[in-house]
Protein backbone atom coordinates (compact mmCIF):
# COMPACT_ATOMS: atom_id res chain seq x y z
CA MET A 1 -59.21 -3.72 178.27
CA LYS A 2 -62.85 -4.23 179.02
CA LYS A 3 -63.61 -1.04 177.53
CA LEU A 4 -61.52 -1.42 174.43
CA VAL A 5 -63.57 -4.50 173.63
CA ALA A 6 -66.80 -2.86 174.60
CA LEU A 7 -66.24 0.07 172.38
CA ALA A 8 -65.81 -1.85 169.15
CA LEU A 9 -68.81 -4.17 170.07
CA CYS A 10 -71.46 -2.18 171.93
CA VAL A 11 -71.49 1.51 171.35
CA THR A 12 -74.29 3.30 169.31
CA MET A 13 -73.14 4.62 165.85
CA ALA A 14 -74.34 8.15 164.66
CA PHE A 15 -74.62 6.65 161.08
CA SER A 16 -74.03 3.57 158.93
CA LEU A 17 -71.13 2.19 159.81
CA SER A 18 -56.25 -29.48 164.44
CA ALA A 19 -56.40 -32.82 164.47
CA CYS A 20 -52.94 -34.42 164.43
CA GLY A 21 -51.94 -37.21 161.90
CA GLY A 22 -49.68 -40.05 162.33
CA SER A 23 -47.87 -40.01 159.19
CA SER A 24 -44.61 -38.32 158.36
CA ALA A 25 -46.60 -36.29 155.64
CA SER A 26 -48.94 -35.08 158.29
CA ASP A 27 -45.97 -34.17 160.58
CA ASN A 28 -44.39 -32.21 157.69
CA ALA A 29 -47.66 -30.44 156.99
CA ALA A 30 -48.01 -29.64 160.55
CA SER A 31 -44.55 -28.34 160.69
CA THR A 32 -45.00 -26.27 157.66
CA ALA A 33 -48.16 -24.76 159.11
CA THR A 34 -46.36 -24.01 162.27
CA ALA A 35 -43.59 -22.32 160.47
CA GLY A 36 -46.16 -20.42 158.33
CA SER A 37 -47.91 -19.27 161.47
CA GLU A 38 -44.82 -18.15 163.08
CA ALA A 39 -43.68 -16.32 159.94
CA GLY A 40 -47.19 -14.65 159.82
CA GLU A 41 -46.88 -13.57 163.35
CA THR A 42 -43.29 -12.19 162.84
CA ALA A 43 -44.58 -10.32 159.69
CA SER A 44 -47.61 -9.03 161.65
CA ALA A 45 -45.26 -7.86 164.40
CA ALA A 46 -42.98 -6.31 161.96
CA ALA A 47 -45.95 -4.41 160.31
CA ASP A 48 -47.10 -3.24 163.74
CA SER A 49 -43.74 -1.98 164.56
CA GLU A 50 -43.43 -0.28 161.27
CA ALA A 51 -47.04 1.38 161.85
CA ALA A 52 -45.92 2.53 165.30
CA SER A 53 -42.70 4.09 163.99
CA ASP A 54 -44.65 6.04 161.36
CA MET A 55 -46.97 7.45 164.00
CA LYS A 56 -46.44 10.73 165.42
CA VAL A 57 -49.08 12.04 167.84
CA ALA A 58 -49.98 15.69 168.28
CA MET A 59 -52.60 16.85 170.87
CA ILE A 60 -54.00 20.29 170.48
CA THR A 61 -55.73 22.12 173.22
CA ASP A 62 -59.12 23.96 172.96
CA TYR A 63 -60.31 26.63 175.02
CA GLY A 64 -58.33 25.35 178.14
CA ASP A 65 -54.70 24.08 178.52
CA ILE A 66 -53.08 21.06 179.83
CA THR A 67 -53.30 22.25 183.49
CA ASP A 68 -57.03 22.64 183.52
CA GLN A 69 -57.34 19.45 185.66
CA SER A 70 -60.23 18.52 183.37
CA PHE A 71 -60.86 17.62 179.76
CA ASN A 72 -57.49 18.96 178.17
CA GLN A 73 -55.36 17.88 180.79
CA THR A 74 -56.76 14.25 180.89
CA THR A 75 -56.51 13.79 177.13
CA TYR A 76 -52.90 15.20 177.20
CA GLU A 77 -51.94 12.94 180.10
CA GLU A 78 -53.39 9.88 178.37
CA CYS A 79 -51.79 10.56 175.02
CA LYS A 80 -48.38 11.13 176.67
CA ALA A 81 -48.75 7.97 178.74
CA TRP A 82 -49.89 5.82 175.72
CA THR A 83 -47.00 7.28 173.47
CA GLU A 84 -44.21 6.76 176.05
CA ALA A 85 -45.49 3.09 176.65
CA ASN A 86 -45.51 2.43 172.87
CA ASP A 87 -42.46 4.41 171.99
CA VAL A 88 -44.24 6.76 169.63
CA GLU A 89 -43.32 10.47 169.21
CA PHE A 90 -45.68 12.89 170.90
CA THR A 91 -46.09 16.60 171.46
CA TYR A 92 -48.79 19.08 172.16
CA TYR A 93 -49.74 22.44 170.71
CA LYS A 94 -51.59 25.28 172.51
CA PRO A 95 -53.35 27.72 170.07
CA GLU A 96 -52.46 31.41 170.69
CA GLY A 97 -55.97 32.36 170.95
CA ASP A 98 -59.46 31.08 171.19
CA SER A 99 -60.52 31.03 167.41
CA THR A 100 -60.83 28.64 164.69
CA ALA A 101 -58.05 30.27 162.84
CA ASP A 102 -55.79 29.74 165.98
CA ARG A 103 -56.67 26.17 166.08
CA GLU A 104 -56.14 25.70 162.38
CA ALA A 105 -52.72 27.19 162.67
CA MET A 106 -51.74 24.55 165.22
CA ILE A 107 -53.09 21.84 162.89
CA ASP A 108 -51.05 23.25 160.09
CA LYS A 109 -47.96 23.40 162.39
CA ALA A 110 -48.34 19.91 163.70
CA TYR A 111 -48.55 18.60 160.06
CA ALA A 112 -45.59 20.62 159.02
CA ASP A 113 -43.64 19.38 161.85
CA GLY A 114 -44.31 15.75 160.53
CA TYR A 115 -47.15 14.56 163.03
CA ASN A 116 -49.93 12.65 161.45
CA VAL A 117 -52.25 11.75 164.20
CA PHE A 118 -54.16 14.71 165.67
CA VAL A 119 -56.07 14.29 168.98
CA LEU A 120 -58.48 17.18 169.24
CA PRO A 121 -60.53 17.61 172.45
CA GLY A 122 -63.68 19.73 172.35
CA TYR A 123 -66.56 20.79 170.06
CA ALA A 124 -64.70 23.92 169.16
CA PHE A 125 -62.57 22.02 166.75
CA ALA A 126 -65.39 21.22 164.36
CA GLU A 127 -64.52 24.08 161.95
CA ALA A 128 -60.86 23.51 162.13
CA ILE A 129 -61.48 19.79 161.13
CA THR A 130 -63.69 20.52 158.22
CA ASN A 131 -61.37 23.37 156.89
CA SER A 132 -58.22 21.08 157.10
CA ALA A 133 -59.17 17.47 156.79
CA ASP A 134 -59.24 17.56 153.02
CA MET A 135 -55.91 19.31 153.02
CA TYR A 136 -54.21 16.54 154.88
CA PRO A 137 -55.77 13.18 153.78
CA ASP A 138 -52.94 11.18 155.14
CA ALA A 139 -53.39 12.59 158.72
CA MET A 140 -55.77 10.95 161.13
CA TYR A 141 -58.10 13.14 163.27
CA VAL A 142 -59.20 11.80 166.52
CA ALA A 143 -61.90 14.25 167.90
CA LEU A 144 -63.48 14.11 171.17
CA ASP A 145 -66.84 15.65 171.86
CA VAL A 146 -67.39 16.74 168.21
CA SER A 147 -70.84 15.81 167.00
CA GLN A 148 -72.35 15.29 163.59
CA ALA A 149 -74.32 18.47 164.18
CA ASP A 150 -71.03 20.44 164.96
CA LEU A 151 -69.45 19.09 161.76
CA ASP A 152 -72.55 19.75 159.56
CA SER A 153 -72.79 23.30 160.96
CA ALA A 154 -69.19 23.96 160.36
CA SER A 155 -69.00 22.45 156.92
CA GLY A 156 -72.26 23.43 155.45
CA GLU A 157 -72.75 19.81 154.59
CA ASP A 158 -75.52 17.46 155.54
CA GLY A 159 -73.87 14.35 157.08
CA TYR A 160 -70.24 15.38 156.86
CA THR A 161 -67.90 12.54 157.03
CA ARG A 162 -64.25 12.01 155.81
CA ASP A 163 -62.20 8.84 155.90
CA ASN A 164 -59.44 10.60 157.92
CA VAL A 165 -61.88 11.76 160.74
CA TYR A 166 -63.17 9.82 163.80
CA CYS A 167 -65.32 11.58 166.31
CA ALA A 168 -66.55 10.43 169.85
CA VAL A 169 -69.42 11.94 171.55
CA TYR A 170 -70.58 10.85 175.02
CA GLN A 171 -74.00 10.44 176.68
CA GLU A 172 -73.25 13.04 179.43
CA GLU A 173 -76.87 13.07 180.31
CA ILE A 174 -76.58 9.63 181.88
CA SER A 175 -73.61 10.32 184.18
CA GLY A 176 -75.43 13.61 184.96
CA TYR A 177 -78.47 11.76 185.84
CA MET A 178 -76.42 9.33 188.03
CA ALA A 179 -74.80 12.26 190.01
CA GLY A 180 -78.13 13.77 190.44
CA VAL A 181 -79.65 10.69 191.92
CA ALA A 182 -76.64 10.16 194.10
CA ALA A 183 -76.84 13.70 195.51
CA VAL A 184 -80.36 13.34 196.56
CA LYS A 185 -80.22 9.86 197.88
CA MET A 186 -77.03 10.87 199.87
CA GLY A 187 -79.38 13.23 201.75
CA TYR A 188 -78.68 16.72 199.91
CA LYS A 189 -81.69 18.66 199.04
CA LYS A 190 -80.31 22.07 198.04
CA LEU A 191 -78.32 21.47 194.71
CA GLY A 192 -76.49 23.57 192.25
CA PHE A 193 -75.36 23.24 188.75
CA LEU A 194 -72.55 25.45 187.48
CA GLY A 195 -71.82 24.99 183.75
CA GLY A 196 -69.07 26.56 181.76
CA MET A 197 -70.99 27.59 178.76
CA ALA A 198 -74.45 26.55 177.36
CA VAL A 199 -73.06 24.13 174.80
CA PRO A 200 -74.59 20.77 174.13
CA ALA A 201 -71.99 18.51 176.15
CA VAL A 202 -72.32 20.82 179.18
CA MET A 203 -76.22 21.07 178.89
CA ARG A 204 -76.57 17.40 178.51
CA PHE A 205 -74.63 16.90 181.94
CA GLY A 206 -76.88 19.74 183.53
CA TYR A 207 -80.10 18.54 182.26
CA GLY A 208 -79.34 14.91 183.12
CA PHE A 209 -78.43 16.07 186.69
CA VAL A 210 -81.90 17.83 187.00
CA GLN A 211 -83.61 14.75 185.75
CA GLY A 212 -81.74 12.56 188.22
CA ALA A 213 -82.49 14.87 191.21
CA ASP A 214 -86.08 15.06 190.05
CA ALA A 215 -86.60 11.36 189.90
CA ALA A 216 -84.90 10.70 193.26
CA ALA A 217 -87.01 13.40 194.84
CA ALA A 218 -90.11 11.76 193.41
CA GLU A 219 -89.01 8.31 194.57
CA LEU A 220 -88.36 9.37 198.05
CA GLY A 221 -91.46 11.53 198.35
CA LEU A 222 -89.47 14.82 198.93
CA SER A 223 -91.17 18.11 198.04
CA ASP A 224 -88.28 20.41 199.12
CA VAL A 225 -85.41 19.46 196.63
CA GLU A 226 -84.16 22.48 194.73
CA VAL A 227 -81.62 23.14 192.00
CA ASN A 228 -79.90 26.43 191.37
CA TYR A 229 -78.75 26.35 187.74
CA ALA A 230 -76.48 28.82 185.93
CA TYR A 231 -73.65 29.07 183.53
CA GLY A 232 -70.44 31.00 183.99
CA ASN A 233 -70.45 31.78 180.29
CA GLN A 234 -66.73 30.76 180.24
CA PHE A 235 -64.64 27.49 181.05
CA SER A 236 -62.66 28.99 184.01
CA GLY A 237 -63.39 30.26 187.40
CA ASP A 238 -62.85 33.83 188.41
CA ALA A 239 -63.65 36.21 191.37
CA ASP A 240 -67.00 37.08 189.83
CA ILE A 241 -68.22 33.34 189.53
CA THR A 242 -66.71 32.60 192.88
CA ALA A 243 -68.80 35.45 194.33
CA ALA A 244 -71.96 33.99 192.75
CA MET A 245 -70.95 30.56 194.27
CA ASP A 246 -70.59 32.38 197.60
CA THR A 247 -74.11 33.46 197.43
CA TRP A 248 -75.32 30.07 196.56
CA TYR A 249 -73.65 28.32 199.44
CA GLN A 250 -74.42 30.92 201.98
CA GLY A 251 -77.94 30.97 200.91
CA GLY A 252 -78.27 27.17 201.74
CA THR A 253 -76.98 25.34 198.71
CA GLU A 254 -75.16 22.20 199.89
CA VAL A 255 -73.50 20.66 196.82
CA VAL A 256 -72.76 22.14 193.36
CA PHE A 257 -72.05 20.00 190.28
CA ALA A 258 -69.37 22.12 188.54
CA CYS A 259 -69.15 21.22 184.83
CA GLY A 260 -66.89 22.86 182.20
CA GLY A 261 -63.04 23.21 182.24
CA GLY A 262 -61.64 24.86 185.19
CA ILE A 263 -64.79 26.53 186.40
CA TRP A 264 -64.86 24.05 189.23
CA THR A 265 -62.29 26.13 190.90
CA SER A 266 -64.91 28.87 191.77
CA ALA A 267 -67.41 26.22 193.06
CA ALA A 268 -64.71 24.63 195.15
CA GLU A 269 -63.25 27.70 196.52
CA ALA A 270 -66.78 28.93 197.69
CA ALA A 271 -67.67 25.38 199.02
CA ALA A 272 -64.49 25.35 201.17
CA LYS A 273 -65.34 28.52 203.14
CA VAL A 274 -68.79 26.92 204.42
CA ASP A 275 -67.88 23.25 204.47
CA GLY A 276 -70.01 22.78 201.25
CA LYS A 277 -69.61 19.99 198.78
CA VAL A 278 -68.91 19.66 195.04
CA ILE A 279 -69.42 17.06 192.32
CA GLY A 280 -66.64 16.80 189.72
CA VAL A 281 -66.89 16.21 185.86
CA ASP A 282 -65.46 14.32 183.09
CA VAL A 283 -62.84 12.42 185.14
CA ASP A 284 -62.60 11.53 188.89
CA GLN A 285 -61.59 14.85 190.28
CA LYS A 286 -61.69 14.00 193.96
CA ALA A 287 -57.88 13.96 194.36
CA THR A 288 -57.53 17.10 192.58
CA ILE A 289 -60.34 19.18 194.14
CA ASP A 290 -59.87 17.86 197.68
CA GLY A 291 -56.12 18.16 197.38
CA LYS A 292 -56.32 21.86 196.77
CA TYR A 293 -59.42 22.90 198.76
CA GLY A 294 -59.64 20.19 201.58
CA ASP A 295 -60.48 16.62 202.23
CA GLY A 296 -64.12 15.60 201.84
CA ILE A 297 -65.31 18.40 199.57
CA THR A 298 -65.87 16.03 196.39
CA ILE A 299 -68.80 13.74 196.92
CA THR A 300 -68.54 12.10 193.33
CA SER A 301 -67.73 12.84 189.85
CA ALA A 302 -69.95 12.44 186.79
CA MET A 303 -67.27 10.76 184.42
CA LYS A 304 -66.95 9.88 180.75
CA GLY A 305 -64.40 7.49 179.18
CA LEU A 306 -61.81 9.83 177.76
CA LYS A 307 -58.86 7.62 178.57
CA ALA A 308 -60.44 4.56 177.04
CA THR A 309 -61.43 6.37 173.90
CA VAL A 310 -57.89 7.76 173.41
CA ASP A 311 -56.33 4.30 174.12
CA THR A 312 -58.73 2.51 171.81
CA LEU A 313 -57.98 4.71 168.77
CA LEU A 314 -54.35 4.97 169.21
CA ASP A 315 -54.13 1.28 169.60
CA ALA A 316 -56.12 0.86 166.44
CA ILE A 317 -53.89 3.16 164.43
CA LYS A 318 -50.78 1.48 165.65
CA ALA A 319 -52.05 -1.89 164.79
CA GLY A 320 -53.20 -0.68 161.14
CA GLU A 321 -56.83 -1.00 162.11
CA TRP A 322 -57.93 2.58 161.39
CA ASP A 323 -60.37 1.42 158.77
CA GLN A 324 -62.56 0.10 161.79
CA TYR A 325 -63.04 3.62 162.92
CA LYS A 326 -62.62 6.02 160.09
CA GLY A 327 -65.60 8.14 159.06
CA GLN A 328 -67.35 7.37 162.22
CA ILE A 329 -69.07 9.32 164.83
CA GLN A 330 -69.64 7.01 167.91
CA ASN A 331 -72.01 7.97 170.77
CA LEU A 332 -70.51 6.29 173.80
CA GLY A 333 -72.49 5.49 176.86
CA LEU A 334 -73.50 2.25 178.73
CA VAL A 335 -72.13 -0.88 177.40
CA SER A 336 -72.89 -3.16 180.32
CA GLY A 337 -75.58 -3.47 183.03
CA ASP A 338 -73.45 -5.73 185.25
CA ASP A 339 -69.78 -4.36 184.91
CA VAL A 340 -70.32 -0.76 185.90
CA GLU A 341 -66.64 0.02 185.20
CA ALA A 342 -67.00 -1.10 181.67
CA ASN A 343 -69.08 1.83 180.82
CA TYR A 344 -68.20 5.19 179.14
CA VAL A 345 -70.43 7.14 181.56
CA GLU A 346 -70.02 6.33 185.29
CA LEU A 347 -69.48 7.51 188.90
CA PRO A 348 -66.05 6.38 190.45
CA LEU A 349 -66.52 3.40 192.55
CA GLU A 350 -63.37 4.12 194.72
CA SER A 351 -63.77 7.78 195.54
CA THR A 352 -67.72 8.41 195.65
CA VAL A 353 -68.66 9.14 199.29
CA TRP A 354 -71.15 6.07 199.73
CA ASN A 355 -73.39 6.25 202.70
CA ASP A 356 -76.19 4.22 204.12
CA THR A 357 -78.79 5.89 201.89
CA PHE A 358 -76.82 5.50 198.62
CA THR A 359 -74.72 2.47 198.56
CA VAL A 360 -72.35 0.92 195.99
CA ASP A 361 -75.15 -1.76 195.50
CA ASP A 362 -77.74 1.06 194.99
CA TYR A 363 -75.57 2.59 192.42
CA LYS A 364 -75.11 -0.80 190.52
CA GLU A 365 -78.90 -1.33 190.60
CA LEU A 366 -79.27 2.27 189.05
CA VAL A 367 -76.85 1.38 186.35
CA LYS A 368 -78.48 -1.98 185.56
CA ASN A 369 -81.94 -0.21 185.29
CA LEU A 370 -80.43 2.38 182.94
CA PHE A 371 -78.83 -0.20 180.85
CA ASP A 372 -82.02 -2.33 180.51
CA GLY A 373 -84.15 0.69 179.86
CA THR A 374 -86.20 0.47 183.09
CA VAL A 375 -84.93 3.93 183.66
CA THR A 376 -84.62 6.36 180.78
CA VAL A 377 -82.76 9.69 180.42
CA SER A 378 -83.76 12.37 177.78
CA SER A 379 -80.73 13.75 175.93
CA ASP A 380 -82.98 16.59 174.51
CA VAL A 381 -81.35 19.97 175.20
CA SER A 382 -83.45 22.04 172.88
CA ALA A 383 -85.14 23.86 175.66
CA GLU A 384 -83.57 26.99 176.86
CA GLU A 385 -83.56 25.66 180.41
CA PRO A 386 -84.12 22.37 182.22
CA THR A 387 -87.51 21.47 183.95
CA ALA A 388 -88.60 19.17 186.61
CA SER A 389 -91.80 17.87 187.96
CA THR A 390 -91.00 17.34 191.73
CA ALA A 391 -87.80 19.31 192.34
CA LYS A 392 -87.76 23.02 191.85
CA VAL A 393 -85.29 24.54 189.45
CA ASN A 394 -84.05 27.97 189.82
CA PHE A 395 -82.66 28.81 186.45
CA GLN A 396 -80.42 31.82 186.56
CA GLY A 397 -78.84 31.90 182.91
CA ASN A 398 -75.33 33.19 182.55
CA ILE A 399 -73.54 34.68 185.52
CA LYS A 400 -71.25 36.75 183.24
C-alpha cells in the first residue's frame, strides 16, 4: 500500500501532468447528513462495483512468455492475482511471432473478445500502441517499460500522448548501481554483466551496475575490480551463450548480473558448474534461480516495481480514477530515503546475501544517499559501451 500512495505522490513525470448541536433541529440535520453520507458511500460502492464489472483485463506478452520467470511472468502473475482478488475477468494472449504485426493482432483479438484493459510489458509494444490506440479509444492501455522516445519513434510524433494510454518506465540505473556496489562490497572483484539486447532498459541496468562497481572500488581503494560486459543479442539463454558464460566463470569471473528475459538461465547454468554466483533482475529471482541450479547461487536481485505498478493502475481503473493517470509517462524510482521497501527500484531485503562487509544498514545508508542526492547515478546510455575510472571494463559487444 505504501507504494500505491507513493506512486501518486512522489514519482517524476515525463511531461505536464462536526460540532454537535443540542436542539432537535441540529439532531435532524446530523441525521440527514449521516443518511446522505451513507447514501453517498452506497452509491460510490455501487459505482465501483459497476466499474469492476465492466473491466476485462488482457495481458499480452512481448518477446517472452508467461514462463520466462522474469518480466512477462511477473506481469502475468500480478494481473492474474489482482483480477482474481477483485472478481474481474482476465486472460492473456501470446503473439504468434516477434513482430509489431503479431502484437497488434493480439490487441485486435483482445478488443474483439470484449477486453478493454490491455496490460503490455515491454518497449516492443510502442508501435503496436501508436497504431491501435486511436482505433480503440474506449480501451485503456497500461504499458510497462515503454518510454516517450519509444512512442515518438513509433508514431513519428513529437511528444506522442493519448488519453487512453499510460506508460511506466523505471530508473533501472539505480537498482543496477545498488547491485554493483553490493557485489564489490560483498568481496567480489571479478564481475560480469550479461544483457539480453542493447535496448535502453537493459543498458540502464548495465551502465548503472558498472557505475556502482566503479564507485565501490574507488571507495575501498581497490585497483583490481574488473567487469566483463556483453549482450546475448536475445532474451533467452542457449548453448552458445552458456558456453560464453563458461569461459567467463572458468576465467575467474565470480558473479554475473544477468539481465534480460530468460537469459539468466545461461549465466546460472555456467555458475552452477564452478560454484559461481549470479545477480537476478526485475524481481527477486533467488527462489527461482536457486531452486533450479542450487542454493546460494543468487546473491541479490536488482528489482523494479512491476507488481506495485500493475496494482496501482488496475486499482485506479476499478475505482473510476483513470483520469489521474491517462496520457502520462511516469518515471518510477526512489520515493523514500528511509523506507527502502517503498521504492520502485531496490534490492530485496529478505533474500540478499548480506555479510559483514555489506550489511542491511549499509544498504539503507546507500539508499538514503541516493535519495537525497549525495550519491548520483547517470541514466545516459548514449555511449556504445560503459566506462569506469577505477574498475576495468572488458566490453565484448554481442555474443551472438
